[in-house]
Protein backbone atom coordinates (compact mmCIF):
# COMPACT_ATOMS: atom_id res chain seq x y z
CA MET A 1 37.91 -2.70 49.97
CA ASN A 2 39.09 -2.02 46.70
CA PRO A 3 37.23 -3.92 43.60
CA PRO A 4 40.05 -6.56 41.44
CA VAL A 5 40.57 -4.19 37.87
CA LEU A 6 42.31 -6.11 34.88
CA PHE A 7 44.37 -4.37 32.17
CA GLN A 8 45.06 -5.26 28.90
CA GLN A 9 46.93 -3.36 25.87
CA GLU A 10 44.84 -2.93 23.37
CA ILE A 11 45.26 -4.57 19.74
CA GLU A 12 45.54 -2.73 17.13
CA LYS A 13 43.25 -5.35 15.08
CA LYS A 14 43.56 -6.07 11.10
CA GLN A 15 40.02 -8.40 11.65
CA GLU A 16 38.41 -10.20 14.19
CA LEU A 17 38.19 -14.30 13.69
CA ARG A 18 35.34 -16.86 14.62
CA VAL A 19 37.18 -20.99 14.64
CA VAL A 20 35.00 -23.97 15.11
CA VAL A 21 37.23 -27.11 16.09
CA VAL A 22 35.62 -30.33 15.45
CA ASP A 23 38.13 -32.61 15.99
CA GLU A 24 40.50 -32.51 13.46
CA GLU A 25 38.04 -30.43 10.77
CA ILE A 26 38.27 -26.07 11.47
CA PHE A 27 36.16 -23.87 10.12
CA ALA A 28 37.28 -19.92 10.47
CA CYS A 29 35.76 -16.67 9.40
CA SER A 30 36.34 -13.42 9.31
CA VAL A 31 33.77 -11.34 11.00
CA GLY A 32 32.50 -7.98 11.99
CA ASP A 33 34.59 -5.15 10.45
CA ALA A 34 37.65 -3.62 12.29
CA SER A 35 37.87 -0.55 10.70
CA LYS A 36 34.98 0.81 13.12
CA ASN A 37 36.90 -0.07 15.84
CA ASP A 38 34.47 -1.94 17.55
CA VAL A 39 36.18 -4.08 21.29
CA ASP A 40 34.24 -6.67 20.09
CA TRP A 41 31.84 -7.02 17.24
CA ARG A 42 29.33 -9.46 19.05
CA LYS A 43 27.79 -5.66 20.53
CA ASN A 44 27.30 -5.32 16.56
CA GLU A 45 23.74 -7.25 15.71
CA LYS A 46 24.99 -6.83 12.14
CA ALA A 47 28.36 -8.21 13.11
CA THR A 48 27.55 -11.50 11.03
CA GLU A 49 26.62 -9.97 7.81
CA THR A 50 30.10 -9.00 7.07
CA SER A 51 32.10 -12.65 7.72
CA LYS A 52 34.32 -14.54 5.41
CA PRO A 53 35.41 -17.81 5.02
CA TYR A 54 39.46 -17.38 6.39
CA ARG A 55 42.12 -19.54 5.56
CA LEU A 56 43.94 -19.81 9.42
CA PRO A 57 47.22 -20.16 8.85
CA THR A 58 49.22 -23.89 9.39
CA ASP A 59 50.57 -23.23 12.84
CA VAL A 60 47.55 -21.04 13.90
CA MET A 61 45.24 -24.07 12.91
CA GLY A 62 48.25 -26.82 14.68
CA ARG A 63 47.57 -24.56 17.91
CA CYS A 64 43.92 -24.94 18.23
CA ARG A 65 43.73 -28.50 17.57
CA LYS A 66 46.34 -29.15 20.58
CA LEU A 67 44.59 -26.89 22.94
CA LEU A 68 41.33 -28.90 22.26
CA LYS A 69 44.05 -31.96 22.89
CA ILE A 70 44.75 -30.89 26.10
CA LEU A 71 41.61 -30.04 27.61
CA GLN A 72 40.21 -32.99 26.03
CA LEU A 73 37.62 -31.93 24.04
CA ARG A 74 36.11 -32.91 20.30
CA PHE A 75 34.83 -29.47 19.89
CA ALA A 76 35.16 -26.19 20.40
CA VAL A 77 35.10 -22.67 19.27
CA PHE A 78 37.97 -20.28 19.66
CA ASP A 79 37.55 -16.12 19.17
CA LEU A 80 40.52 -15.21 18.51
CA ILE A 81 42.17 -11.53 16.83
CA GLU A 82 44.64 -11.21 14.17
CA ASP A 83 46.47 -7.49 14.65
CA VAL A 84 48.18 -5.50 11.59
CA ASN A 85 51.26 -6.99 11.69
CA ASP A 86 49.51 -10.41 10.91
CA LYS A 87 50.33 -11.44 15.06
CA PHE A 88 47.15 -14.19 16.28
CA TYR A 89 45.75 -13.34 19.91
CA PHE A 90 43.72 -16.13 21.35
CA LEU A 91 40.80 -14.59 23.77
CA GLU A 92 39.03 -17.71 24.38
CA LEU A 93 37.67 -20.90 24.13
CA ASN A 94 33.65 -21.58 24.28
CA GLN A 95 32.63 -25.95 24.24
CA GLN A 96 28.94 -24.17 23.17
CA GLY A 97 30.01 -21.28 21.19
CA GLY A 98 27.56 -19.61 18.67
CA TRP A 99 28.42 -21.21 14.86
CA GLY A 100 24.75 -21.42 13.13
CA TRP A 101 25.29 -18.61 11.51
CA MET A 102 28.94 -19.35 9.83
CA GLU A 103 26.77 -22.85 8.26
CA THR A 104 23.52 -20.58 6.86
CA LYS A 105 25.75 -16.84 5.88
CA LEU A 106 29.09 -19.46 4.67
CA GLY A 107 28.14 -22.41 4.03
CA MET A 108 30.57 -23.94 6.02
CA PRO A 109 29.29 -27.70 7.07
CA ILE A 110 29.01 -27.55 10.45
CA SER A 111 26.61 -29.65 11.96
CA GLU A 112 27.44 -31.66 9.51
CA THR A 113 31.02 -32.47 10.27
CA ILE A 114 29.31 -33.16 14.24
CA VAL A 115 27.33 -35.42 13.13
CA ARG A 116 29.78 -37.98 10.82
CA HIS A 117 32.84 -37.81 14.30
CA LEU A 118 29.79 -38.75 16.54
CA VAL A 119 28.38 -41.68 14.90
């Protein structure tokens, strides 16, 4: 029996993005160094050190919010890729994805926002 296999076209990355959505509020940053051609920034222990706040285009923010509503979630962490042609690719969404470093390294008030939306 052959194991299942999945092939995917390689995307020439401009940057990888971590996006936190709390209801309608969005926090985004670039992460890692796409010029190093790492397949996944999470395998590089120092990737978050080069993170920078990032302003997502309005249509991409709208799509993230829409997906949260479809899934009936109020919080999620998205991983996206922006390619060299400024096209965005959705990689995954996690209900409990890591974001603490975005708060400590970049000063994004994510936990405060979560608390505000819980009250």
